[in-house]
């Protein structure tokens, strides 16, 4: 995360979401990026860097990446569901394949 020293305003955050199988396989799918922010240090909802919680920044990221009329919560649910579906597809594909040699 990048912030301004003078007032603690956050201007950039890198993020990633990783979904992984909870079985023995190594199936995973990820989504990530960076989000740039502008802020007003005099605003009543301003949160300085030193006072941030993970949930604050994740909320900003979900809000910055939503599409159309989608809410931040809907965006979060959508990308989590998409990544989970990709992991499940990998698991399903692996269940129909085998490795080795016939001798």
Protein backbone atom coordinates (compact mmCIF):
# COMPACT_ATOMS: atom_id res chain seq x y z
CA UNK A 1 0.00 0.00 0.00
CA UNK A 2 1.21 3.49 -0.79
CA UNK A 3 0.25 6.43 1.39
CA UNK A 4 1.14 10.09 1.74
CA UNK A 5 3.42 10.67 4.73
CA UNK A 6 2.07 14.12 5.56
CA UNK A 7 -1.53 13.09 6.27
CA UNK A 8 -1.66 9.29 5.97
CA UNK A 9 -3.92 9.26 2.94
CA UNK A 10 -3.83 6.00 1.01
CA UNK A 11 -3.36 6.43 -2.73
CA UNK A 12 -2.61 2.88 -3.97
CA UNK A 13 -3.26 -0.69 -2.86
CA UNK A 14 -2.28 -3.97 -4.52
CA UNK A 15 -4.63 -6.86 -3.84
CA UNK A 16 -5.16 -10.51 -4.63
CA UNK A 17 -7.84 -13.08 -3.97
CA UNK A 18 -6.75 -16.74 -4.13
CA UNK A 19 -9.12 -19.69 -4.05
CA UNK A 20 -7.56 -23.09 -3.32
CA UNK A 21 -8.85 -26.60 -3.03
CA UNK A 22 -8.97 -27.95 0.47
CA UNK A 23 -8.13 -31.47 -0.67
CA UNK A 24 -4.80 -33.03 -1.55
CA UNK A 25 -4.57 -31.34 -4.95
CA UNK A 26 -2.91 -28.09 -5.81
CA UNK A 27 -5.86 -26.56 -7.61
CA UNK A 28 -6.09 -22.80 -7.32
CA UNK A 29 -7.40 -19.72 -9.09
CA UNK A 30 -6.59 -16.11 -8.40
CA UNK A 31 -7.73 -12.59 -9.18
CA UNK A 32 -5.84 -9.45 -8.36
CA UNK A 33 -4.84 -5.99 -9.33
CA UNK A 34 -4.19 -2.56 -8.00
CA UNK A 35 -6.60 0.15 -6.96
CA UNK A 36 -5.78 3.85 -6.95
CA UNK A 37 -7.58 6.10 -4.51
CA UNK A 38 -8.18 9.78 -4.03
CA UNK A 39 -9.09 11.10 -0.63
CA UNK A 40 -10.12 14.21 1.26
CA UNK A 41 -8.36 14.37 4.62
CA UNK A 42 -11.00 16.82 5.87
CA UNK A 43 -13.89 14.42 5.15
CA UNK A 44 -15.75 12.89 8.09
CA UNK A 45 -15.24 9.36 6.70
CA UNK A 46 -11.49 9.79 6.09
CA UNK A 47 -9.31 7.09 7.64
CA UNK A 48 -5.59 7.71 7.95
CA UNK A 49 -3.11 4.94 7.13
CA UNK A 50 -2.21 4.32 10.77
CA UNK A 51 -5.88 3.73 11.66
CA UNK A 52 -6.81 1.43 8.78
CA UNK A 53 -8.13 -2.08 9.21
CA UNK A 54 -7.95 -4.75 6.54
CA UNK A 55 -11.74 -4.59 6.18
CA UNK A 56 -11.54 -0.85 5.36
CA UNK A 57 -9.14 -1.39 2.47
CA UNK A 58 -10.99 -4.45 1.16
CA UNK A 59 -14.19 -2.40 1.15
CA UNK A 60 -12.47 0.26 -0.94
CA UNK A 61 -11.18 -2.39 -3.35
CA UNK A 62 -14.58 -4.05 -3.77
CA UNK A 63 -16.14 -0.62 -4.33
CA UNK A 64 -13.49 0.39 -6.89
CA UNK A 65 -13.93 -2.78 -8.95
CA UNK A 66 -17.69 -3.22 -9.09
CA UNK A 67 -19.36 -3.14 -12.49
CA UNK A 68 -22.52 -1.36 -13.59
CA UNK A 69 -25.25 -1.36 -10.95
CA UNK A 70 -23.45 -4.02 -8.93
CA UNK A 71 -22.84 -3.30 -5.24
CA UNK A 72 -19.44 -3.79 -3.63
CA UNK A 73 -20.79 -6.86 -1.82
CA UNK A 74 -22.11 -8.29 -5.09
CA UNK A 75 -18.72 -7.75 -6.74
CA UNK A 76 -16.96 -9.54 -3.89
CA UNK A 77 -19.43 -12.44 -4.06
CA UNK A 78 -19.11 -12.63 -7.85
CA UNK A 79 -15.32 -12.88 -7.97
CA UNK A 80 -15.28 -15.34 -5.07
CA UNK A 81 -17.85 -17.51 -6.86
CA UNK A 82 -15.94 -17.25 -10.16
CA UNK A 83 -12.66 -18.34 -8.57
CA UNK A 84 -14.36 -21.14 -6.63
CA UNK A 85 -15.94 -22.38 -9.88
CA UNK A 86 -12.52 -22.38 -11.57
CA UNK A 87 -11.05 -24.45 -8.74
CA UNK A 88 -13.99 -26.88 -8.93
CA UNK A 89 -13.49 -27.21 -12.70
CA UNK A 90 -9.84 -28.12 -12.09
CA UNK A 91 -10.87 -30.71 -9.50
CA UNK A 92 -13.50 -32.18 -11.84
CA UNK A 93 -11.02 -32.33 -14.73
CA UNK A 94 -8.39 -34.04 -12.55
CA UNK A 95 -10.96 -36.65 -11.46
CA UNK A 96 -11.32 -37.80 -15.08
CA UNK A 97 -7.60 -38.01 -15.84
CA UNK A 98 -4.82 -40.30 -14.74
CA UNK A 99 -1.06 -40.24 -15.11
CA UNK A 100 1.48 -43.02 -15.27
CA UNK A 101 2.58 -45.71 -17.63
CA UNK A 102 0.80 -48.96 -18.54
CA UNK A 103 3.65 -51.26 -17.46
